[in-house]
Protein backbone atom coordinates (compact mmCIF):
# COMPACT_ATOMS: atom_id res chain seq x y z
CA MET A 1 13.73 -41.46 23.29
CA LYS A 2 10.02 -42.15 23.74
CA ARG A 3 10.03 -40.54 27.19
CA GLY A 4 11.99 -37.54 25.89
CA GLY A 5 9.63 -37.14 22.95
CA LEU A 6 6.64 -37.21 25.30
CA LEU A 7 8.16 -34.42 27.39
CA LEU A 8 8.78 -32.30 24.30
CA VAL A 9 5.13 -32.67 23.30
CA LEU A 10 4.15 -31.66 26.86
CA ILE A 11 6.27 -28.53 26.58
CA LEU A 12 4.74 -27.56 23.24
CA LEU A 13 1.21 -28.13 24.54
CA THR A 14 1.93 -26.04 27.61
CA PHE A 15 3.19 -23.16 25.46
CA GLN A 16 0.10 -23.45 23.29
CA ASN A 17 -2.10 -23.00 26.38
CA VAL A 18 -0.10 -19.96 27.50
CA LEU A 19 -0.40 -18.09 24.19
CA PRO A 20 -3.60 -16.07 23.72
CA ALA A 21 -6.12 -17.29 21.17
CA ALA A 22 -7.17 -15.07 18.27
CA ALA A 23 -9.87 -12.67 19.44
CA THR A 24 -12.11 -13.01 16.41
CA GLU A 25 -12.11 -14.94 13.18
CA LYS A 26 -10.52 -12.91 10.37
CA GLU A 27 -13.11 -11.29 8.11
CA GLU A 28 -13.16 -11.61 4.35
CA ARG A 29 -10.57 -9.33 2.76
CA LYS A 30 -11.97 -6.27 1.00
CA TRP A 31 -10.25 -3.69 -1.18
CA GLN A 32 -10.09 -1.24 1.72
CA ASP A 33 -7.91 -3.82 3.50
CA GLU A 34 -5.37 -3.88 0.66
CA SER A 35 -2.00 -2.15 0.46
CA ILE A 36 -0.62 -1.38 -3.01
CA TYR A 37 2.93 -1.32 -4.36
CA TYR A 38 3.01 0.68 -7.61
CA LEU A 39 5.94 0.18 -9.96
CA MET A 40 7.06 1.39 -13.36
CA ILE A 41 7.84 -1.82 -15.21
CA ASP A 42 10.83 -0.60 -17.21
CA ARG A 43 12.59 0.89 -14.18
CA PHE A 44 12.07 -1.95 -11.69
CA LEU A 45 14.26 -4.92 -12.65
CA ASN A 46 15.67 -6.51 -15.80
CA GLY A 47 14.88 -10.20 -15.42
CA SER A 48 15.48 -11.36 -19.00
CA GLN A 49 17.99 -10.15 -21.59
CA THR A 50 16.01 -11.71 -24.46
CA ASN A 51 13.81 -8.60 -24.77
CA ASP A 52 16.52 -5.94 -24.30
CA THR A 53 15.92 -4.08 -27.57
CA ASP A 54 17.00 -0.40 -27.55
CA VAL A 55 18.08 -0.60 -23.91
CA ASP A 56 20.39 2.17 -22.73
CA MET A 57 20.82 2.50 -18.96
CA ASN A 58 22.67 5.81 -19.42
CA ASP A 59 19.77 7.48 -21.20
CA GLN A 60 16.90 8.50 -18.92
CA HIS A 61 14.56 8.68 -21.95
CA ALA A 62 15.38 5.17 -23.21
CA TYR A 63 14.30 1.73 -22.07
CA HIS A 64 16.29 0.37 -19.12
CA GLY A 65 15.28 -3.28 -19.48
CA GLY A 66 12.72 -3.79 -16.72
CA ASP A 67 10.28 -6.57 -17.58
CA PHE A 68 7.70 -9.10 -16.38
CA ALA A 69 10.44 -11.60 -15.55
CA GLY A 70 12.09 -9.06 -13.24
CA ILE A 71 8.82 -8.45 -11.39
CA ILE A 72 8.20 -12.19 -10.98
CA SER A 73 11.66 -12.62 -9.46
CA ARG A 74 10.87 -9.95 -6.84
CA LEU A 75 7.29 -10.83 -5.92
CA ASP A 76 8.40 -12.27 -2.59
CA TYR A 77 10.35 -9.06 -1.94
CA ILE A 78 7.11 -7.08 -2.42
CA ARG A 79 4.94 -9.53 -0.46
CA ASP A 80 7.40 -9.69 2.45
CA MET A 81 7.17 -5.89 2.71
CA GLY A 82 3.51 -6.44 3.55
CA PHE A 83 1.92 -5.47 0.25
CA THR A 84 -1.16 -7.36 -0.90
CA THR A 85 -1.51 -5.79 -4.37
CA ILE A 86 0.89 -4.71 -7.09
CA ALA A 87 -0.07 -1.97 -9.55
CA LEU A 88 1.76 -1.66 -12.86
CA SER A 89 2.38 1.14 -15.33
CA PRO A 90 0.70 0.37 -18.69
CA VAL A 91 1.71 -3.01 -20.15
CA PHE A 92 0.38 -2.34 -23.66
CA ALA A 93 2.54 -2.16 -26.79
CA ASN A 94 4.06 1.32 -27.08
CA GLU A 95 5.78 3.40 -29.71
CA GLY A 96 9.56 3.67 -29.69
CA GLY A 97 10.81 5.41 -26.57
CA GLY A 98 7.58 4.79 -24.65
CA TYR A 99 9.34 3.12 -21.72
CA HIS A 100 6.72 4.59 -19.36
CA GLY A 101 3.87 2.84 -21.19
CA PHE A 102 1.74 5.88 -22.02
CA TRP A 103 2.37 6.03 -25.82
CA VAL A 104 0.10 3.11 -26.69
CA ASN A 105 -0.08 1.86 -30.27
CA ASP A 106 -1.90 -1.44 -29.64
CA PHE A 107 -4.19 -2.14 -26.67
CA TYR A 108 -4.26 -5.88 -27.44
CA LYS A 109 -0.53 -6.58 -27.17
CA THR A 110 2.09 -6.34 -24.47
CA ASP A 111 5.09 -4.14 -25.08
CA GLU A 112 7.85 -6.31 -26.52
CA HIS A 113 10.38 -4.77 -24.13
CA PHE A 114 8.41 -6.11 -21.14
CA GLY A 115 7.76 -9.63 -22.38
CA THR A 116 5.09 -11.69 -24.11
CA LEU A 117 1.42 -12.02 -23.23
CA ALA A 118 2.17 -15.55 -22.00
CA GLN A 119 4.82 -14.14 -19.63
CA PHE A 120 2.36 -11.56 -18.35
CA LYS A 121 -0.19 -14.30 -17.67
CA THR A 122 2.50 -16.14 -15.73
CA LEU A 123 3.08 -12.98 -13.70
CA VAL A 124 -0.65 -12.76 -12.86
CA LYS A 125 -0.71 -16.43 -11.81
CA GLU A 126 2.37 -15.97 -9.61
CA VAL A 127 0.77 -12.93 -7.97
CA HIS A 128 -2.43 -14.84 -7.25
CA LYS A 129 -0.47 -17.84 -6.00
CA ARG A 130 0.84 -15.56 -3.23
CA ASP A 131 -2.69 -14.45 -2.30
CA MET A 132 -2.00 -11.03 -3.82
CA LYS A 133 -3.86 -8.98 -6.44
CA ILE A 134 -2.69 -7.15 -9.54
CA MET A 135 -4.00 -4.03 -11.24
CA LEU A 136 -3.00 -2.08 -14.37
CA ASP A 137 -2.88 1.53 -15.46
CA LEU A 138 -5.36 2.29 -18.24
CA ASP A 139 -5.82 5.57 -20.10
CA VAL A 140 -8.93 5.21 -22.28
CA TYR A 141 -8.62 8.78 -23.58
CA HIS A 142 -5.11 8.92 -25.10
CA VAL A 143 -3.05 6.93 -27.61
CA GLY A 144 0.53 7.27 -28.82
CA PRO A 145 1.45 10.20 -31.10
CA HIS A 146 1.73 7.93 -34.17
CA HIS A 147 -1.01 5.39 -33.46
CA PRO A 148 -1.97 3.51 -36.69
CA PHE A 149 -5.63 4.62 -36.34
CA LEU A 150 -4.53 8.21 -36.99
CA ALA A 151 -3.63 7.31 -40.59
CA ASP A 152 -6.84 5.33 -41.15
CA ALA A 153 -9.30 7.38 -43.25
CA ASP A 154 -12.21 5.38 -41.82
CA LYS A 155 -11.30 6.35 -38.28
CA GLN A 156 -11.01 10.13 -38.47
CA ALA A 157 -14.18 10.46 -36.35
CA TRP A 158 -12.44 8.44 -33.62
CA PHE A 159 -10.37 11.46 -32.58
CA ILE A 160 -11.06 14.92 -31.30
CA ALA A 161 -8.94 18.04 -31.61
CA THR A 162 -7.54 19.29 -28.32
CA GLU A 163 -4.97 21.90 -27.39
CA ALA A 164 -4.61 20.72 -23.82
CA SER A 165 -2.95 17.39 -24.54
CA GLU A 166 0.33 16.47 -26.22
CA LEU A 167 -1.15 13.07 -27.17
CA PRO A 168 -4.01 12.31 -29.59
CA ALA A 169 -7.35 12.19 -27.78
CA LEU A 170 -10.08 9.65 -28.49
CA ASN A 171 -13.67 10.71 -29.17
CA LEU A 172 -15.50 8.48 -26.69
CA ASP A 173 -18.87 9.92 -27.71
CA ASN A 174 -18.36 8.04 -30.96
CA PRO A 175 -20.07 4.62 -30.52
CA GLU A 176 -17.35 2.72 -32.42
CA THR A 177 -14.51 4.29 -30.44
CA LYS A 178 -16.34 3.72 -27.19
CA GLN A 179 -16.96 0.06 -27.99
CA TYR A 180 -13.33 -0.47 -29.01
CA MET A 181 -12.05 0.78 -25.62
CA MET A 182 -14.73 -1.12 -23.70
CA ASP A 183 -13.87 -4.34 -25.53
CA ALA A 184 -10.12 -3.88 -24.97
CA ALA A 185 -10.57 -3.27 -21.24
CA GLN A 186 -12.80 -6.33 -20.91
CA TRP A 187 -10.41 -8.46 -22.96
CA TRP A 188 -7.58 -8.01 -20.44
CA ILE A 189 -9.83 -9.09 -17.57
CA LYS A 190 -11.10 -12.17 -19.41
CA GLU A 191 -7.75 -13.10 -20.95
CA THR A 192 -5.41 -12.51 -17.99
CA ASP A 193 -7.60 -12.40 -14.83
CA ILE A 194 -6.32 -9.04 -13.54
CA ASP A 195 -8.06 -7.52 -10.50
CA GLY A 196 -8.33 -3.80 -11.13
CA TYR A 197 -7.56 -0.68 -13.16
CA ARG A 198 -6.14 2.67 -12.20
CA LEU A 199 -8.02 4.89 -14.68
CA LEU A 200 -6.33 8.03 -15.99
CA SER A 201 -7.62 11.24 -17.65
CA VAL A 202 -10.96 10.73 -15.91
CA ASN A 203 -12.33 14.26 -16.21
CA HIS A 204 -11.75 14.36 -20.00
CA VAL A 205 -14.04 11.39 -20.58
CA PRO A 206 -17.87 11.68 -20.99
CA MET A 207 -19.73 10.64 -17.85
CA GLN A 208 -21.94 8.22 -19.79
CA PHE A 209 -18.83 6.34 -20.89
CA TRP A 210 -17.81 5.82 -17.26
CA ILE A 211 -21.30 4.72 -16.24
CA ASP A 212 -21.32 2.06 -18.96
CA PHE A 213 -17.64 1.17 -18.51
CA THR A 214 -17.81 0.49 -14.77
CA LYS A 215 -20.98 -1.55 -15.19
CA GLU A 216 -19.40 -3.80 -17.84
CA MET A 217 -16.16 -4.34 -15.87
CA LYS A 218 -18.08 -5.32 -12.73
CA LYS A 219 -20.11 -7.82 -14.74
CA LEU A 220 -16.91 -9.74 -15.43
CA LYS A 221 -15.57 -9.50 -11.88
CA GLU A 222 -17.81 -8.19 -9.13
CA ASP A 223 -14.96 -7.06 -6.86
CA PHE A 224 -12.92 -5.55 -9.72
CA TYR A 225 -11.29 -2.39 -8.34
CA LEU A 226 -11.71 0.86 -10.30
CA LEU A 227 -9.41 3.57 -8.97
CA GLY A 228 -9.74 7.00 -10.55
CA ASP A 229 -6.63 9.14 -10.99
CA GLU A 230 -8.16 12.60 -10.86
CA LYS A 231 -8.02 15.61 -8.54
CA ILE A 232 -11.52 15.59 -7.09
CA SER A 233 -12.62 19.10 -6.07
CA GLY A 234 -14.86 18.06 -3.18
CA PRO A 235 -17.61 15.77 -1.83
CA GLU A 236 -20.11 16.89 -4.48
CA GLU A 237 -17.88 15.87 -7.40
CA LEU A 238 -16.93 12.71 -5.54
CA ALA A 239 -20.60 11.76 -5.24
CA VAL A 240 -21.10 12.18 -8.99
CA TYR A 241 -18.22 9.87 -9.88
CA ALA A 242 -19.07 7.40 -7.13
CA GLY A 243 -22.53 7.23 -8.68
CA ALA A 244 -20.85 6.45 -11.99
CA GLY A 245 -19.31 3.32 -10.46
CA PHE A 246 -15.79 4.30 -9.35
CA ASP A 247 -14.59 2.59 -6.18
CA GLY A 248 -11.98 5.11 -5.06
CA TRP A 249 -9.64 7.95 -5.96
CA MET A 250 -6.00 8.88 -5.79
CA ASN A 251 -6.17 11.15 -2.75
CA TYR A 252 -4.40 14.25 -4.10
CA PRO A 253 -5.70 16.62 -1.38
CA LEU A 254 -4.16 14.41 1.30
CA ASN A 255 -0.96 13.94 -0.75
CA LYS A 256 -0.36 17.70 -0.86
CA GLU A 257 -0.76 18.03 2.90
CA LEU A 258 1.27 14.91 3.68
CA LYS A 259 4.28 16.36 1.87
CA LYS A 260 3.88 19.75 3.49
CA THR A 261 3.45 18.29 6.98
CA PHE A 262 6.27 15.74 7.01
CA VAL A 263 9.00 17.33 4.88
CA GLN A 264 10.25 19.02 8.07
CA PRO A 265 9.45 18.57 11.77
CA ASP A 266 7.28 20.92 13.89
CA HIS A 267 4.48 21.34 11.35
CA SER A 268 0.84 21.39 12.50
CA PHE A 269 -1.44 18.53 11.42
CA SER A 270 -4.58 20.69 11.29
CA SER A 271 -4.61 21.37 7.53
CA LEU A 272 -3.79 17.72 6.85
CA PHE A 273 -6.87 16.46 8.65
CA SER A 274 -9.00 19.17 7.05
CA SER A 275 -7.88 17.91 3.62
CA MET A 276 -9.22 14.45 4.38
CA LYS A 277 -12.76 15.84 4.36
CA GLN A 278 -12.40 16.72 0.68
CA LEU A 279 -12.97 13.06 -0.18
CA GLY A 280 -16.26 12.81 1.69
CA LYS A 281 -18.01 13.43 4.95
CA ASP A 282 -16.80 10.38 6.86
CA GLU A 283 -14.25 7.55 7.00
CA GLN A 284 -16.16 5.27 4.66
CA ASP A 285 -16.02 7.82 1.83
CA ALA A 286 -12.22 7.74 1.99
CA ALA A 287 -11.76 4.05 2.85
CA MET A 288 -11.47 2.89 -0.77
CA SER A 289 -9.31 5.77 -2.00
CA ALA A 290 -5.53 5.61 -2.28
CA ASN A 291 -3.30 7.45 0.19
CA PHE A 292 0.07 8.10 -1.41
CA MET A 293 3.26 10.13 -1.04
CA ASP A 294 4.60 9.75 -4.59
CA ASN A 295 3.54 8.61 -8.04
CA GLU A 296 5.00 8.69 -11.55
CA ASN A 297 4.04 12.33 -12.19
CA ILE A 298 5.17 14.25 -9.11
CA VAL A 299 8.54 15.06 -7.54
CA ARG A 300 9.50 12.36 -5.06
CA PHE A 301 9.16 13.09 -1.35
CA THR A 302 12.81 12.17 -0.77
CA HIS A 303 13.85 14.95 -3.16
CA ASP A 304 11.83 17.51 -1.18
CA VAL A 305 13.29 16.27 2.11
CA ILE A 306 16.90 16.49 0.91
CA LYS A 307 16.30 20.06 -0.33
CA LYS A 308 15.30 20.95 3.24
CA ASN A 309 18.54 19.39 4.56
CA GLU A 310 16.59 16.74 6.45
CA HIS A 311 17.36 13.03 6.74
CA PRO A 312 14.90 11.02 4.58
CA GLY A 313 14.58 7.97 6.88
CA PRO A 314 12.75 9.56 9.86
CA ARG A 315 10.66 11.74 7.54
CA TRP A 316 9.51 8.68 5.58
CA LYS A 317 8.73 6.65 8.70
CA GLN A 318 6.52 9.37 10.13
CA ALA A 319 4.71 9.99 6.86
CA LEU A 320 4.12 6.29 6.19
CA THR A 321 2.81 5.70 9.70
CA LEU A 322 0.03 8.17 9.07
CA THR A 323 -0.54 6.95 5.50
CA TYR A 324 -1.09 3.40 6.78
CA THR A 325 -3.30 4.29 9.74
CA VAL A 326 -5.84 6.83 8.43
CA PRO A 327 -8.83 5.80 6.30
CA GLY A 328 -7.79 4.80 2.79
CA VAL A 329 -5.66 2.27 0.91
CA PRO A 330 -1.90 2.94 1.16
CA LEU A 331 -0.26 3.11 -2.26
CA VAL A 332 3.55 3.18 -2.20
CA TYR A 333 5.58 4.11 -5.28
CA TYR A 334 8.50 1.80 -6.08
CA GLY A 335 11.77 2.93 -4.49
CA SER A 336 10.12 4.64 -1.53
CA GLU A 337 11.38 1.78 0.65
CA ILE A 338 14.95 2.83 -0.15
CA ALA A 339 14.18 6.59 -0.10
CA LEU A 340 14.90 6.82 -3.83
CA ASP A 341 15.54 10.40 -4.93
CA GLY A 342 13.78 11.85 -7.97
CA GLY A 343 12.89 15.24 -9.38
CA SER A 344 10.40 16.20 -12.06
CA GLY A 345 9.75 14.42 -15.37
CA THR A 346 12.00 11.49 -16.21
CA LYS A 347 14.09 12.14 -13.07
CA ASN A 348 11.13 10.73 -11.15
CA HIS A 349 11.61 7.40 -12.97
CA ASP A 350 15.04 6.39 -11.68
CA GLN A 351 16.24 2.81 -11.72
CA MET A 352 15.33 0.71 -8.69
CA ASN A 353 18.28 -0.32 -6.51
CA PHE A 354 17.94 -3.43 -4.34
CA ARG A 355 21.39 -3.21 -2.71
CA THR A 356 20.58 -0.68 0.01
CA ASP A 357 19.90 -0.36 3.74
CA LYS A 358 16.82 -2.37 4.78
CA GLU A 359 15.77 -0.20 7.73
CA LEU A 360 12.91 1.54 5.91
CA TYR A 361 11.93 -1.70 4.15
CA ASP A 362 11.60 -3.43 7.52
CA TYR A 363 9.57 -0.55 8.94
CA ILE A 364 7.10 -0.72 6.05
CA ALA A 365 6.81 -4.47 6.64
CA GLN A 366 6.12 -3.84 10.33
CA ILE A 367 3.36 -1.29 9.86
CA GLY A 368 1.95 -3.33 6.98
CA GLU A 369 1.63 -6.37 9.22
CA LEU A 370 -0.13 -4.33 11.91
CA ARG A 371 -2.55 -2.90 9.36
CA SER A 372 -3.40 -6.38 8.10
CA LYS A 373 -4.06 -7.68 11.63
CA LEU A 374 -6.02 -4.72 13.05
CA PRO A 375 -9.37 -4.21 11.30
CA SER A 376 -9.82 -0.90 13.12
CA LEU A 377 -7.03 0.52 10.91
CA THR A 378 -8.87 -0.34 7.69
CA ARG A 379 -12.55 -0.24 8.66
CA GLY A 380 -12.82 1.83 11.83
CA THR A 381 -14.12 5.28 12.65
CA MET A 382 -11.53 7.97 13.28
CA GLU A 383 -11.29 10.72 15.91
CA VAL A 384 -8.42 13.14 16.52
CA LEU A 385 -7.69 13.30 20.27
CA TYR A 386 -4.70 15.66 20.28
CA ASP A 387 -3.09 18.01 17.74
CA LYS A 388 -0.54 20.50 19.04
CA ASP A 389 3.10 21.54 18.50
CA GLY A 390 3.77 19.02 15.72
CA ALA A 391 2.38 16.02 17.59
CA VAL A 392 -0.90 14.24 16.96
CA VAL A 393 -2.88 11.43 18.56
CA TYR A 394 -5.95 9.87 16.97
CA LYS A 395 -7.97 6.73 17.53
CA ARG A 396 -9.61 4.22 15.19
CA VAL A 397 -12.51 2.14 16.50
CA TYR A 398 -14.07 -0.93 14.92
CA GLU A 399 -16.50 -3.08 16.90
CA ASP A 400 -14.67 -3.89 20.18
CA GLU A 401 -11.19 -2.94 18.92
CA THR A 402 -9.62 0.48 19.57
CA THR A 403 -6.23 1.49 18.25
CA VAL A 404 -4.50 4.73 19.21
CA ILE A 405 -1.89 6.24 16.90
CA ALA A 406 0.62 8.74 18.32
CA ILE A 407 2.96 10.59 15.96
CA ASN A 408 5.55 13.03 17.31
CA ASN A 409 6.60 14.97 14.23
CA SER A 410 8.38 17.58 16.33
CA SER A 411 11.99 18.22 17.29
CA LYS A 412 11.52 17.44 21.00
CA THR A 413 10.14 14.69 23.23
CA GLN A 414 6.49 15.26 24.10
CA THR A 415 4.21 14.04 26.87
CA ILE A 416 0.54 13.99 25.97
CA SER A 417 -2.32 13.62 28.43
CA LEU A 418 -5.50 11.82 27.36
CA SER A 419 -8.58 11.66 29.58
CA ALA A 420 -10.88 8.76 30.35
CA GLY A 421 -13.50 10.65 28.39
CA GLU A 422 -11.41 10.10 25.27
CA LEU A 423 -10.39 6.52 26.09
CA GLU A 424 -12.11 3.95 28.28
CA ASN A 425 -10.83 4.15 31.88
CA GLU A 426 -8.94 1.47 33.82
CA LYS A 427 -7.30 -0.04 30.76
CA GLU A 428 -3.87 0.14 29.19
CA LEU A 429 -2.32 1.08 25.85
CA ARG A 430 0.05 -1.57 24.52
CA GLY A 431 2.59 -0.27 22.01
CA LEU A 432 3.03 -2.50 18.97
CA LEU A 433 5.84 -0.67 17.15
CA ASN A 434 8.24 -0.03 20.01
CA GLY A 435 6.71 -2.04 22.86
CA GLY A 436 5.67 0.84 25.11
CA LEU A 437 2.98 0.41 27.79
CA VAL A 438 0.72 3.17 29.12
CA ARG A 439 -1.68 2.40 31.98
CA SER A 440 -4.53 4.69 33.00
CA ALA A 441 -3.99 6.44 36.35
CA ASP A 442 -6.46 8.87 37.93
CA LYS A 443 -8.60 8.58 34.79
CA THR A 444 -5.69 9.75 32.64
CA TYR A 445 -3.33 8.22 30.09
CA MET A 446 0.09 9.89 29.90
CA ILE A 447 1.83 9.14 26.61
CA THR A 448 5.49 10.09 26.31
CA ILE A 449 6.94 9.84 22.83
CA ASP A 450 10.41 10.77 21.59
CA ARG A 451 10.98 13.22 18.75
CA ASP A 452 10.60 11.80 15.25
CA MET A 453 8.94 8.68 16.64
CA SER A 454 5.52 7.08 16.23
CA GLU A 455 3.62 4.40 18.12
CA ILE A 456 0.54 2.33 17.38
CA TYR A 457 -1.24 1.26 20.56
CA VAL A 458 -4.07 -1.18 21.17
CA LEU A 459 -6.43 -0.42 24.06
CA SER A 460 -6.50 -3.53 26.27
CA GLU A 461 -7.46 -4.79 29.69
CA LYS A 462 -4.88 -4.06 32.37
CA THR A 463 -2.34 -6.80 32.92
CA GLY A 464 -1.27 -7.74 36.42
CA ILE A 465 0.33 -10.78 38.01
CA ASN A 466 -0.94 -13.66 35.94
CA ILE A 467 -0.96 -16.68 38.28
CA SER A 468 -2.00 -19.16 35.60
CA TYR A 469 0.78 -17.90 33.31
CA ILE A 470 3.37 -18.25 36.09
CA LEU A 471 2.18 -21.80 36.90
CA ALA A 472 2.25 -22.75 33.24
CA MET A 473 5.76 -21.40 32.78
CA SER A 474 6.87 -23.21 35.94
CA ALA A 475 5.53 -26.44 34.48
CA VAL A 476 7.44 -25.78 31.26
CA LEU A 477 10.69 -25.16 33.14
CA LEU A 478 10.21 -28.24 35.32
CA SER A 479 9.44 -30.43 32.29
CA PHE A 480 12.47 -29.10 30.45
CA THR A 481 14.71 -29.73 33.49
CA ILE A 482 13.50 -33.32 33.80
CA PHE A 483 14.03 -33.83 30.08
CA MET A 484 17.62 -32.55 30.26
CA ILE A 485 18.39 -34.76 33.28
CA LEU A 486 17.11 -37.83 31.43
CA VAL A 487 19.18 -36.95 28.36
CA TRP A 488 22.27 -36.45 30.56
CA ARG A 489 21.78 -39.79 32.35
CA LYS A 490 21.27 -41.65 29.09
CA SER A 491 24.38 -40.13 27.52
CA LYS A 492 26.37 -40.99 30.66
CA ALA A 493 25.13 -44.58 30.56
CA ASN A 494 26.06 -44.90 26.89
CA ALA A 495 29.55 -43.61 27.66
CA ARG A 496 30.11 -46.43 30.19
CA ARG A 497 29.30 -49.18 27.67
C-alpha cells in the first residue's frame, strides 16, 4: 500500500508539471468585470407559502408568489450560470396589486409578499457568501398612486403635477423631499449591505439631486454601483451624467441594434457597431454600462424571434456571444436562459420555468466562464477586423492578451481571411468555445466558421511537438503500469493464502 500510494503521488506530481501555470495573477475584480442576472422577484420562484397573500397564478396582474426564499434557493443556479451579481426589481412595500414593485407606499419596509426585512438580509448574506453582489431597483421620482403622503396636508409641497406620468411624482427640489429619499437610499445600504442601485426616471430628476445623491452613496461604500436607466442621447449627455457621479447606463442604443441584427440571420453588423459610439468615444466609456437584450419594460427577444419564424436557441447564442464580448457589463433578464417568450406589458413578466432544456443555460455558463478568465474581454481595447455578409470578426487586446471573436450570423458557412497586419504573425488562434485551431500561414489566418456559430479565440504561440510533454506523459504511463502490476501481484498473492 505504501509503495502504491507513493506511485499515485508521483503520477499526480507529474500531471501537475505537465499542466500550464496561470499566466498572470488575477487582478482585483471591478464592476466592469461583473455579469448581472436581473429578476422580477414575484415571477421568479415561490420559496415560502407563509407570505402567499392574494396570490393567483392564473391572473397576470396578481401576485404569483415569488419571494426572497425562492431566490435564496436558486442562488447556486444563478452562480453556476456564471453570474457574479443579481439585480432585483424593487423590494419595497407596495400597494395592492403592485407585484412588479413600482407602486411603492413605504420605502423603509419590504413588501410582505416577498418576505421580511430579516429574510432579505439573509438573502444579501447568502449572495455575499458566494462571492457575488446584489443590487436593487430604485425610483426616487415616483410613488404608488395612493401613497399615504398624498393625503398628508403637511406634505403637499412634496409632489409636483405632471401629465406625463401615471404615478405621483416627487418634488425633489423641495429640501424635505430630497432628504427623505436620500435618507431612505442610504438606509438600505447601511441596514442590508447591498452593493448597487439601478436608478430609474433619471431625466425627470434635478441634476443637483443626482450630484448630491451619488456623492452620499459613495461615502457609505466607495465601490457602490450606480447604474442609470435612461436613454442617453449621445456622448455629450453621457459626460454630463458621468460628471454627476453615475457609473454606467443601460445601453439602449446597443439594445435596439442587437435585436435588429440577431432576430434573423444575414443582417449587417455595421449599424450595431456604430450604435456603440453613442455611449462614448472609446471602450472605457462603455465598459461600466449594461449590455442587455431584454428588461421588464420591452418585448422579449424570444417573442420577436418566434414572430420571424426563427428558432430562438441559435439566435440567443449569437446575440449573447456579442453581448458578453464587447465593452460593457452583460445584464441578462430572468428567463432568457430558457428562451422565455413574452410580449408587451404584463406579458413580459411571465412565470419562470426551471424544468426546461439546459442547452442555452450551459452556453451562458460557458461564455460567462471565458469572460471571467479573459481580462481582455472586460478591460481591453476593441477593433473590428471584418464585417461582411452577416459575419463579423473583432479583437480585444489587454496588455499581452489578445482575444479574437468570430460570429457567423449568416445562413451559410464562411471563410474569413485575416492578415498578419491585423494579428501578430507566426502564431495561432485557439478556439475556446468549440476547440478550433487556426495557424498563420503565409502571413494569413484563415478562419472557417459554420452558419449560426460563434468562436472565441485566444492568440497564442504556435504549438508543435512538445518533447517534454511526451516524456512526462510517458513517465505517467510507465508509473501507472508499474502500479497496476504491483496491485495485480499483491491480489494474486492474497488469493493463494
